[in-house]
Amino acid sequence: SLVRFDREQYTWRSESSQLLRTGMLRWGSNLF
């Protein structure tokens, strides 16, 4: 985790796909 934060900060995100389709994401994400 430390090395990735130091070398690849632009990849340090959840990369959410909410913009592509919300649908069951709300229920699925909250329950999970």
PDB file of all heavy atoms in Angstrom:
ATOM      1  N   SER A   1       0.832  -1.206   0.000  1.00  0.00           N
ATOM      2  CA  SER A   1       0.000   0.000   0.000  1.00  0.00           C
ATOM      3  C   SER A   1       0.863   1.250   0.000  1.00  0.00           C
ATOM      4  O   SER A   1       0.571   2.229  -0.708  1.00  0.00           O
ATOM      5  CB  SER A   1      -0.917   0.000   1.230  1.00  0.00           C
ATOM      6  OG  SER A   1      -1.815  -1.090   1.206  1.00  0.00           O
ATOM      7  N   LEU A   2       1.938   1.227   0.783  1.00  0.00           N
ATOM      8  CA  LEU A   2       2.828   2.387   0.862  1.00  0.00           C
ATOM      9  C   LEU A   2       3.516   2.652  -0.477  1.00  0.00           C
ATOM     10  O   LEU A   2       3.583   3.795  -0.941  1.00  0.00           O
ATOM     11  CB  LEU A   2       3.873   2.149   1.955  1.00  0.00           C
ATOM     12  CG  LEU A   2       4.851   3.301   2.218  1.00  0.00           C
ATOM     13  CD1 LEU A   2       4.097   4.537   2.695  1.00  0.00           C
ATOM     14  CD2 LEU A   2       5.895   2.887   3.241  1.00  0.00           C
ATOM     15  N   VAL A   3       4.005   1.588  -1.113  1.00  0.00           N
ATOM     16  CA  VAL A   3       4.694   1.741  -2.399  1.00  0.00           C
ATOM     17  C   VAL A   3       3.727   2.225  -3.467  1.00  0.00           C
ATOM     18  O   VAL A   3       4.055   3.091  -4.286  1.00  0.00           O
ATOM     19  CB  VAL A   3       5.348   0.405  -2.819  1.00  0.00           C
ATOM     20  CG1 VAL A   3       5.843   0.480  -4.261  1.00  0.00           C
ATOM     21  CG2 VAL A   3       6.497   0.060  -1.889  1.00  0.00           C
ATOM     22  N   ARG A   4       2.513   1.688  -3.468  1.00  0.00           N
ATOM     23  CA  ARG A   4       1.551   2.118  -4.485  1.00  0.00           C
ATOM     24  C   ARG A   4       1.173   3.586  -4.296  1.00  0.00           C
ATOM     25  O   ARG A   4       1.060   4.326  -5.271  1.00  0.00           O
ATOM     26  CB  ARG A   4       0.301   1.247  -4.426  1.00  0.00           C
ATOM     27  CG  ARG A   4      -0.731   1.670  -5.483  1.00  0.00           C
ATOM     28  CD  ARG A   4      -1.829   0.691  -5.666  1.00  0.00           C
ATOM     29  NE  ARG A   4      -2.802   1.176  -6.623  1.00  0.00           N
ATOM     30  CZ  ARG A   4      -3.915   0.539  -6.949  1.00  0.00           C
ATOM     31  NH1 ARG A   4      -4.182  -0.638  -6.408  1.00  0.00           N
ATOM     32  NH2 ARG A   4      -4.752   1.053  -7.819  1.00  0.00           N
ATOM     33  N   PHE A   5       1.006   4.006  -3.047  1.00  0.00           N
ATOM     34  CA  PHE A   5       0.675   5.403  -2.798  1.00  0.00           C
ATOM     35  C   PHE A   5       1.826   6.307  -3.231  1.00  0.00           C
ATOM     36  O   PHE A   5       1.614   7.403  -3.753  1.00  0.00           O
ATOM     37  CB  PHE A   5       0.380   5.631  -1.315  1.00  0.00           C
ATOM     38  CG  PHE A   5       0.050   7.056  -0.977  1.00  0.00           C
ATOM     39  CD1 PHE A   5      -1.190   7.583  -1.288  1.00  0.00           C
ATOM     40  CD2 PHE A   5       0.986   7.870  -0.355  1.00  0.00           C
ATOM     41  CE1 PHE A   5      -1.502   8.905  -0.991  1.00  0.00           C
ATOM     42  CE2 PHE A   5       0.689   9.190  -0.055  1.00  0.00           C
ATOM     43  CZ  PHE A   5      -0.558   9.712  -0.369  1.00  0.00           C
ATOM     44  N   ASP A   6       3.054   5.838  -3.046  1.00  0.00           N
ATOM     45  CA  ASP A   6       4.221   6.645  -3.379  1.00  0.00           C
ATOM     46  C   ASP A   6       4.454   6.718  -4.884  1.00  0.00           C
ATOM     47  O   ASP A   6       4.841   7.761  -5.408  1.00  0.00           O
ATOM     48  CB  ASP A   6       5.459   6.051  -2.690  1.00  0.00           C
ATOM     49  CG  ASP A   6       6.710   6.883  -2.950  1.00  0.00           C
ATOM     50  OD1 ASP A   6       6.705   8.079  -2.606  1.00  0.00           O
ATOM     51  OD2 ASP A   6       7.685   6.333  -3.504  1.00  0.00           O
ATOM     52  N   ARG A   7       4.175   5.640  -5.604  1.00  0.00           N
ATOM     53  CA  ARG A   7       4.541   5.568  -7.017  1.00  0.00           C
ATOM     54  C   ARG A   7       3.361   5.688  -7.973  1.00  0.00           C
ATOM     55  O   ARG A   7       3.545   6.065  -9.129  1.00  0.00           O
ATOM     56  CB  ARG A   7       5.269   4.249  -7.282  1.00  0.00           C
ATOM     57  CG  ARG A   7       6.538   4.072  -6.458  1.00  0.00           C
ATOM     58  CD  ARG A   7       7.297   2.850  -6.868  1.00  0.00           C
ATOM     59  NE  ARG A   7       7.718   2.915  -8.261  1.00  0.00           N
ATOM     60  CZ  ARG A   7       8.421   1.962  -8.869  1.00  0.00           C
ATOM     61  NH1 ARG A   7       8.772   0.876  -8.202  1.00  0.00           N
ATOM     62  NH2 ARG A   7       8.760   2.095 -10.133  1.00  0.00           N
ATOM     63  N   GLU A   8       2.144   5.370  -7.525  1.00  0.00           N
ATOM     64  CA  GLU A   8       0.999   5.359  -8.445  1.00  0.00           C
ATOM     65  C   GLU A   8      -0.201   6.047  -7.809  1.00  0.00           C
ATOM     66  O   GLU A   8      -1.273   5.452  -7.666  1.00  0.00           O
ATOM     67  CB  GLU A   8       0.646   3.919  -8.832  1.00  0.00           C
ATOM     68  CG  GLU A   8       1.778   3.171  -9.524  1.00  0.00           C
ATOM     69  CD  GLU A   8       1.381   1.767  -9.912  1.00  0.00           C
ATOM     70  OE1 GLU A   8       0.168   1.511 -10.099  1.00  0.00           O
ATOM     71  OE2 GLU A   8       2.255   0.905 -10.010  1.00  0.00           O
ATOM     72  N   GLN A   9      -0.030   7.293  -7.443  1.00  0.00           N
ATOM     73  CA  GLN A   9      -1.114   7.996  -6.753  1.00  0.00           C
ATOM     74  C   GLN A   9      -2.334   8.213  -7.643  1.00  0.00           C
ATOM     75  O   GLN A   9      -3.453   8.342  -7.146  1.00  0.00           O
ATOM     76  CB  GLN A   9      -0.606   9.337  -6.232  1.00  0.00           C
ATOM     77  CG  GLN A   9       0.408   9.208  -5.106  1.00  0.00           C
ATOM     78  CD  GLN A   9       0.746  10.544  -4.477  1.00  0.00           C
ATOM     79  OE1 GLN A   9      -0.042  11.489  -4.552  1.00  0.00           O
ATOM     80  NE2 GLN A   9       1.909  10.642  -3.858  1.00  0.00           N
ATOM     81  N   TYR A  10      -2.128   8.279  -8.974  1.00  0.00           N
ATOM     82  CA  TYR A  10      -3.268   8.487  -9.869  1.00  0.00           C
ATOM     83  C   TYR A  10      -4.183   7.261  -9.931  1.00  0.00           C
ATOM     84  O   TYR A  10      -5.309   7.344 -10.418  1.00  0.00           O
ATOM     85  CB  TYR A  10      -2.774   8.842 -11.271  1.00  0.00           C
ATOM     86  CG  TYR A  10      -2.186  10.228 -11.359  1.00  0.00           C
ATOM     87  CD1 TYR A  10      -0.819  10.415 -11.520  1.00  0.00           C
ATOM     88  CD2 TYR A  10      -2.997  11.359 -11.248  1.00  0.00           C
ATOM     89  CE1 TYR A  10      -0.271  11.691 -11.577  1.00  0.00           C
ATOM     90  CE2 TYR A  10      -2.464  12.633 -11.309  1.00  0.00           C
ATOM     91  CZ  TYR A  10      -1.097  12.792 -11.474  1.00  0.00           C
ATOM     92  OH  TYR A  10      -0.562  14.057 -11.528  1.00  0.00           O
ATOM     93  N   THR A  11      -3.695   6.107  -9.467  1.00  0.00           N
ATOM     94  CA  THR A  11      -4.534   4.904  -9.447  1.00  0.00           C
ATOM     95  C   THR A  11      -5.173   4.699  -8.083  1.00  0.00           C
ATOM     96  O   THR A  11      -5.851   3.702  -7.870  1.00  0.00           O
ATOM     97  CB  THR A  11      -3.699   3.658  -9.796  1.00  0.00           C
ATOM     98  OG1 THR A  11      -2.744   3.393  -8.746  1.00  0.00           O
ATOM     99  CG2 THR A  11      -2.963   3.848 -11.103  1.00  0.00           C
ATOM    100  N   TRP A  12      -4.948   5.629  -7.165  1.00  0.00           N
ATOM    101  CA  TRP A  12      -5.435   5.497  -5.786  1.00  0.00           C
ATOM    102  C   TRP A  12      -6.875   6.011  -5.717  1.00  0.00           C
ATOM    103  O   TRP A  12      -7.161   7.094  -5.243  1.00  0.00           O
ATOM    104  CB  TRP A  12      -4.531   6.298  -4.849  1.00  0.00           C
ATOM    105  CG  TRP A  12      -4.724   6.008  -3.400  1.00  0.00           C
ATOM    106  CD1 TRP A  12      -5.684   6.526  -2.581  1.00  0.00           C
ATOM    107  CD2 TRP A  12      -3.937   5.132  -2.593  1.00  0.00           C
ATOM    108  NE1 TRP A  12      -5.544   6.036  -1.311  1.00  0.00           N
ATOM    109  CE2 TRP A  12      -4.473   5.177  -1.286  1.00  0.00           C
ATOM    110  CE3 TRP A  12      -2.835   4.320  -2.840  1.00  0.00           C
ATOM    111  CZ2 TRP A  12      -3.928   4.434  -0.241  1.00  0.00           C
ATOM    112  CZ3 TRP A  12      -2.304   3.586  -1.791  1.00  0.00           C
ATOM    113  CH2 TRP A  12      -2.838   3.636  -0.516  1.00  0.00           C
ATOM    114  N   ARG A  13      -7.786   5.221  -6.219  1.00  0.00           N
ATOM    115  CA  ARG A  13      -9.190   5.617  -6.235  1.00  0.00           C
ATOM    116  C   ARG A  13     -10.050   4.367  -6.380  1.00  0.00           C
ATOM    117  O   ARG A  13      -9.584   3.306  -6.744  1.00  0.00           O
ATOM    118  CB  ARG A  13      -9.469   6.580  -7.383  1.00  0.00           C
ATOM    119  CG  ARG A  13      -9.148   6.024  -8.765  1.00  0.00           C
ATOM    120  CD  ARG A  13      -9.297   7.101  -9.832  1.00  0.00           C
ATOM    121  NE  ARG A  13      -9.142   6.558 -11.177  1.00  0.00           N
ATOM    122  CZ  ARG A  13      -7.977   6.417 -11.795  1.00  0.00           C
ATOM    123  NH1 ARG A  13      -6.863   6.769 -11.175  1.00  0.00           N
ATOM    124  NH2 ARG A  13      -7.915   5.930 -13.020  1.00  0.00           N
ATOM    125  N   SER A  14     -11.339   4.531  -6.109  1.00  0.00           N
ATOM    126  CA  SER A  14     -12.256   3.396  -6.191  1.00  0.00           C
ATOM    127  C   SER A  14     -12.681   3.093  -7.623  1.00  0.00           C
ATOM    128  O   SER A  14     -13.213   2.026  -7.898  1.00  0.00           O
ATOM    129  CB  SER A  14     -13.508   3.671  -5.345  1.00  0.00           C
ATOM    130  OG  SER A  14     -14.223   4.782  -5.872  1.00  0.00           O
ATOM    131  N   GLU A  15     -12.454   4.041  -8.544  1.00  0.00           N
ATOM    132  CA  GLU A  15     -12.829   3.873  -9.945  1.00  0.00           C
ATOM    133  C   GLU A  15     -14.310   3.481 -10.075  1.00  0.00           C
ATOM    134  O   GLU A  15     -14.661   2.495 -10.704  1.00  0.00           O
ATOM    135  CB  GLU A  15     -11.936   2.831 -10.616  1.00  0.00           C
ATOM    136  CG  GLU A  15     -10.465   3.195 -10.590  1.00  0.00           C
ATOM    137  CD  GLU A  15      -9.588   2.155 -11.251  1.00  0.00           C
ATOM    138  OE1 GLU A  15     -10.133   1.245 -11.914  1.00  0.00           O
ATOM    139  OE2 GLU A  15      -8.370   2.232 -11.107  1.00  0.00           O
ATOM    140  N   SER A  16     -15.144   4.277  -9.450  1.00  0.00           N
ATOM    141  CA  SER A  16     -16.575   3.987  -9.445  1.00  0.00           C
ATOM    142  C   SER A  16     -17.153   3.979 -10.853  1.00  0.00           C
ATOM    143  O   SER A  16     -16.786   4.784 -11.702  1.00  0.00           O
ATOM    144  CB  SER A  16     -17.312   5.030  -8.596  1.00  0.00           C
ATOM    145  OG  SER A  16     -18.701   4.849  -8.667  1.00  0.00           O
ATOM    146  N   SER A  17     -18.089   3.061 -11.079  1.00  0.00           N
ATOM    147  CA  SER A  17     -18.770   2.965 -12.375  1.00  0.00           C
ATOM    148  C   SER A  17     -20.187   3.532 -12.301  1.00  0.00           C
ATOM    149  O   SER A  17     -21.034   3.214 -13.121  1.00  0.00           O
ATOM    150  CB  SER A  17     -18.826   1.495 -12.823  1.00  0.00           C
ATOM    151  OG  SER A  17     -19.481   0.705 -11.842  1.00  0.00           O
ATOM    152  N   GLN A  18     -20.425   4.398 -11.316  1.00  0.00           N
ATOM    153  CA  GLN A  18     -21.759   4.950 -11.115  1.00  0.00           C
ATOM    154  C   GLN A  18     -22.231   5.750 -12.326  1.00  0.00           C
ATOM    155  O   GLN A  18     -23.418   5.750 -12.660  1.00  0.00           O
ATOM    156  CB  GLN A  18     -21.772   5.834  -9.870  1.00  0.00           C
ATOM    157  CG  GLN A  18     -23.155   6.394  -9.532  1.00  0.00           C
ATOM    158  CD  GLN A  18     -23.143   7.172  -8.235  1.00  0.00           C
ATOM    159  OE1 GLN A  18     -22.108   7.296  -7.593  1.00  0.00           O
ATOM    160  NE2 GLN A  18     -24.289   7.693  -7.843  1.00  0.00           N
ATOM    161  N   LEU A  19     -21.310   6.436 -12.994  1.00  0.00           N
ATOM    162  CA  LEU A  19     -21.697   7.244 -14.152  1.00  0.00           C
ATOM    163  C   LEU A  19     -22.171   6.374 -15.311  1.00  0.00           C
ATOM    164  O   LEU A  19     -22.955   6.814 -16.152  1.00  0.00           O
ATOM    165  CB  LEU A  19     -20.521   8.105 -14.606  1.00  0.00           C
ATOM    166  CG  LEU A  19     -20.115   9.240 -13.656  1.00  0.00           C
ATOM    167  CD1 LEU A  19     -18.887   9.961 -14.199  1.00  0.00           C
ATOM    168  CD2 LEU A  19     -21.261  10.223 -13.460  1.00  0.00           C
ATOM    169  N   LEU A  20     -21.688   5.122 -15.349  1.00  0.00           N
ATOM    170  CA  LEU A  20     -22.089   4.234 -16.439  1.00  0.00           C
ATOM    171  C   LEU A  20     -23.490   3.667 -16.218  1.00  0.00           C
ATOM    172  O   LEU A  20     -24.247   3.507 -17.160  1.00  0.00           O
ATOM    173  CB  LEU A  20     -21.078   3.084 -16.570  1.00  0.00           C
ATOM    174  CG  LEU A  20     -19.642   3.491 -16.910  1.00  0.00           C
ATOM    175  CD1 LEU A  20     -18.755   2.275 -16.975  1.00  0.00           C
ATOM    176  CD2 LEU A  20     -19.604   4.244 -18.245  1.00  0.00           C
ATOM    177  N   ARG A  21     -23.779   3.359 -14.962  1.00  0.00           N
ATOM    178  CA  ARG A  21     -25.107   2.819 -14.666  1.00  0.00           C
ATOM    179  C   ARG A  21     -25.323   2.824 -13.167  1.00  0.00           C
ATOM    180  O   ARG A  21     -24.534   2.256 -12.425  1.00  0.00           O
ATOM    181  CB  ARG A  21     -25.226   1.390 -15.199  1.00  0.00           C
ATOM    182  CG  ARG A  21     -26.560   0.716 -14.874  1.00  0.00           C
ATOM    183  CD  ARG A  21     -26.549  -0.739 -15.305  1.00  0.00           C
ATOM    184  NE  ARG A  21     -27.727  -1.448 -14.873  1.00  0.00           N
ATOM    185  CZ  ARG A  21     -27.879  -2.762 -14.962  1.00  0.00           C
ATOM    186  NH1 ARG A  21     -26.922  -3.505 -15.478  1.00  0.00           N
ATOM    187  NH2 ARG A  21     -28.980  -3.353 -14.532  1.00  0.00           N
ATOM    188  N   THR A  22     -26.383   3.478 -12.733  1.00  0.00           N
ATOM    189  CA  THR A  22     -26.673   3.534 -11.301  1.00  0.00           C
ATOM    190  C   THR A  22     -27.434   2.282 -10.878  1.00  0.00           C
ATOM    191  O   THR A  22     -26.918   1.469 -10.128  1.00  0.00           O
ATOM    192  CB  THR A  22     -27.488   4.798 -10.956  1.00  0.00           C
ATOM    193  OG1 THR A  22     -26.759   5.946 -11.370  1.00  0.00           O
ATOM    194  CG2 THR A  22     -27.735   4.869  -9.461  1.00  0.00           C
ATOM    195  N   GLY A  23     -28.634   2.121 -11.375  1.00  0.00           N
ATOM    196  CA  GLY A  23     -29.424   0.917 -11.162  1.00  0.00           C
ATOM    197  C   GLY A  23     -29.260   0.279  -9.798  1.00  0.00           C
ATOM    198  O   GLY A  23     -29.516   0.879  -8.756  1.00  0.00           O
ATOM    199  N   MET A  24     -28.789  -0.997  -9.820  1.00  0.00           N
ATOM    200  CA  MET A  24     -28.653  -1.762  -8.594  1.00  0.00           C
ATOM    201  C   MET A  24     -27.404  -1.391  -7.799  1.00  0.00           C
ATOM    202  O   MET A  24     -27.157  -1.976  -6.744  1.00  0.00           O
ATOM    203  CB  MET A  24     -28.635  -3.264  -8.908  1.00  0.00           C
ATOM    204  CG  MET A  24     -27.475  -3.711  -9.785  1.00  0.00           C
ATOM    205  SD  MET A  24     -27.529  -5.505 -10.153  1.00  0.00           S
ATOM    206  CE  MET A  24     -28.922  -5.579 -11.283  1.00  0.00           C
ATOM    207  N   LEU A  25     -26.625  -0.424  -8.282  1.00  0.00           N
ATOM    208  CA  LEU A  25     -25.418  -0.032  -7.567  1.00  0.00           C
ATOM    209  C   LEU A  25     -25.750   0.490  -6.178  1.00  0.00           C
ATOM    210  O   LEU A  25     -25.048   0.187  -5.218  1.00  0.00           O
ATOM    211  CB  LEU A  25     -24.657   1.039  -8.359  1.00  0.00           C
ATOM    212  CG  LEU A  25     -23.418   1.628  -7.655  1.00  0.00           C
ATOM    213  CD1 LEU A  25     -22.369   0.553  -7.443  1.00  0.00           C
ATOM    214  CD2 LEU A  25     -22.844   2.782  -8.463  1.00  0.00           C
ATOM    215  N   ARG A  26     -26.812   1.275  -6.062  1.00  0.00           N
ATOM    216  CA  ARG A  26     -27.148   1.879  -4.780  1.00  0.00           C
ATOM    217  C   ARG A  26     -27.410   0.814  -3.724  1.00  0.00           C
ATOM    218  O   ARG A  26     -26.832   0.827  -2.646  1.00  0.00           O
ATOM    219  CB  ARG A  26     -28.369   2.794  -4.939  1.00  0.00           C
ATOM    220  CG  ARG A  26     -28.724   3.565  -3.679  1.00  0.00           C
ATOM    221  CD  ARG A  26     -29.900   4.504  -3.899  1.00  0.00           C
ATOM    222  NE  ARG A  26     -29.593   5.548  -4.868  1.00  0.00           N
ATOM    223  CZ  ARG A  26     -30.060   5.589  -6.111  1.00  0.00           C
ATOM    224  NH1 ARG A  26     -30.862   4.618  -6.543  1.00  0.00           N
ATOM    225  NH2 ARG A  26     -29.754   6.561  -6.928  1.00  0.00           N
ATOM    226  N   TRP A  27     -28.272  -0.134  -4.037  1.00  0.00           N
ATOM    227  CA  TRP A  27     -28.576  -1.205  -3.087  1.00  0.00           C
ATOM    228  C   TRP A  27     -27.367  -2.106  -2.876  1.00  0.00           C
ATOM    229  O   TRP A  27     -27.001  -2.439  -1.751  1.00  0.00           O
ATOM    230  CB  TRP A  27     -29.766  -2.036  -3.586  1.00  0.00           C
ATOM    231  CG  TRP A  27     -31.092  -1.416  -3.297  1.00  0.00           C
ATOM    232  CD1 TRP A  27     -31.893  -0.740  -4.171  1.00  0.00           C
ATOM    233  CD2 TRP A  27     -31.762  -1.384  -2.037  1.00  0.00           C
ATOM    234  NE1 TRP A  27     -33.033  -0.305  -3.545  1.00  0.00           N
ATOM    235  CE2 TRP A  27     -32.991  -0.691  -2.238  1.00  0.00           C
ATOM    236  CE3 TRP A  27     -31.458  -1.878  -0.768  1.00  0.00           C
ATOM    237  CZ2 TRP A  27     -33.893  -0.477  -1.197  1.00  0.00           C
ATOM    238  CZ3 TRP A  27     -32.368  -1.669   0.271  1.00  0.00           C
ATOM    239  CH2 TRP A  27     -33.566  -0.972   0.041  1.00  0.00           C
ATOM    240  N   GLY A  28     -26.755  -2.515  -3.963  1.00  0.00           N
ATOM    241  CA  GLY A  28     -25.624  -3.427  -3.854  1.00  0.00           C
ATOM    242  C   GLY A  28     -24.470  -2.838  -3.081  1.00  0.00           C
ATOM    243  O   GLY A  28     -23.911  -3.479  -2.187  1.00  0.00           O
ATOM    244  N   SER A  29     -24.105  -1.605  -3.388  1.00  0.00           N
ATOM    245  CA  SER A  29     -22.969  -0.965  -2.732  1.00  0.00           C
ATOM    246  C   SER A  29     -23.236  -0.739  -1.248  1.00  0.00           C
ATOM    247  O   SER A  29     -22.376  -1.004  -0.402  1.00  0.00           O
ATOM    248  CB  SER A  29     -22.655   0.371  -3.417  1.00  0.00           C
ATOM    249  OG  SER A  29     -21.562   0.998  -2.806  1.00  0.00           O
ATOM    250  N   ASN A  30     -24.431  -0.253  -0.907  1.00  0.00           N
ATOM    251  CA  ASN A  30     -24.752   0.019   0.492  1.00  0.00           C
ATOM    252  C   ASN A  30     -24.767  -1.268   1.324  1.00  0.00           C
ATOM    253  O   ASN A  30     -24.181  -1.321   2.414  1.00  0.00           O
ATOM    254  CB  ASN A  30     -26.096   0.735   0.610  1.00  0.00           C
ATOM    255  CG  ASN A  30     -26.022   2.175   0.139  1.00  0.00           C
ATOM    256  OD1 ASN A  30     -24.961   2.784   0.142  1.00  0.00           O
ATOM    257  ND2 ASN A  30     -27.150   2.726  -0.287  1.00  0.00           N
ATOM    258  N   LEU A  31     -25.440  -2.292   0.815  1.00  0.00           N
ATOM    259  CA  LEU A  31     -25.501  -3.552   1.550  1.00  0.00           C
ATOM    260  C   LEU A  31     -24.111  -4.166   1.702  1.00  0.00           C
ATOM    261  O   LEU A  31     -23.740  -4.667   2.773  1.00  0.00           O
ATOM    262  CB  LEU A  31     -26.433  -4.530   0.837  1.00  0.00           C
ATOM    263  CG  LEU A  31     -27.928  -4.238   0.933  1.00  0.00           C
ATOM    264  CD1 LEU A  31     -28.716  -5.177   0.014  1.00  0.00           C
ATOM    265  CD2 LEU A  31     -28.419  -4.385   2.374  1.00  0.00           C
ATOM    266  N   PHE A  32     -23.340  -4.126   0.617  1.00  0.00           N
ATOM    267  CA  PHE A  32     -22.001  -4.714   0.657  1.00  0.00           C
ATOM    268  C   PHE A  32     -21.104  -3.981   1.645  1.00  0.00           C
ATOM    269  O   PHE A  32     -20.430  -4.607   2.469  1.00  0.00           O
ATOM    270  CB  PHE A  32     -21.377  -4.679  -0.735  1.00  0.00           C
ATOM    271  CG  PHE A  32     -19.925  -5.075  -0.755  1.00  0.00           C
ATOM    272  CD1 PHE A  32     -19.554  -6.397  -0.557  1.00  0.00           C
ATOM    273  CD2 PHE A  32     -18.935  -4.118  -0.949  1.00  0.00           C
ATOM    274  CE1 PHE A  32     -18.218  -6.761  -0.561  1.00  0.00           C
ATOM    275  CE2 PHE A  32     -17.605  -4.476  -0.966  1.00  0.00           C
ATOM    276  CZ  PHE A  32     -17.241  -5.802  -0.761  1.00  0.00           C
TER     277      PHE A  32
END
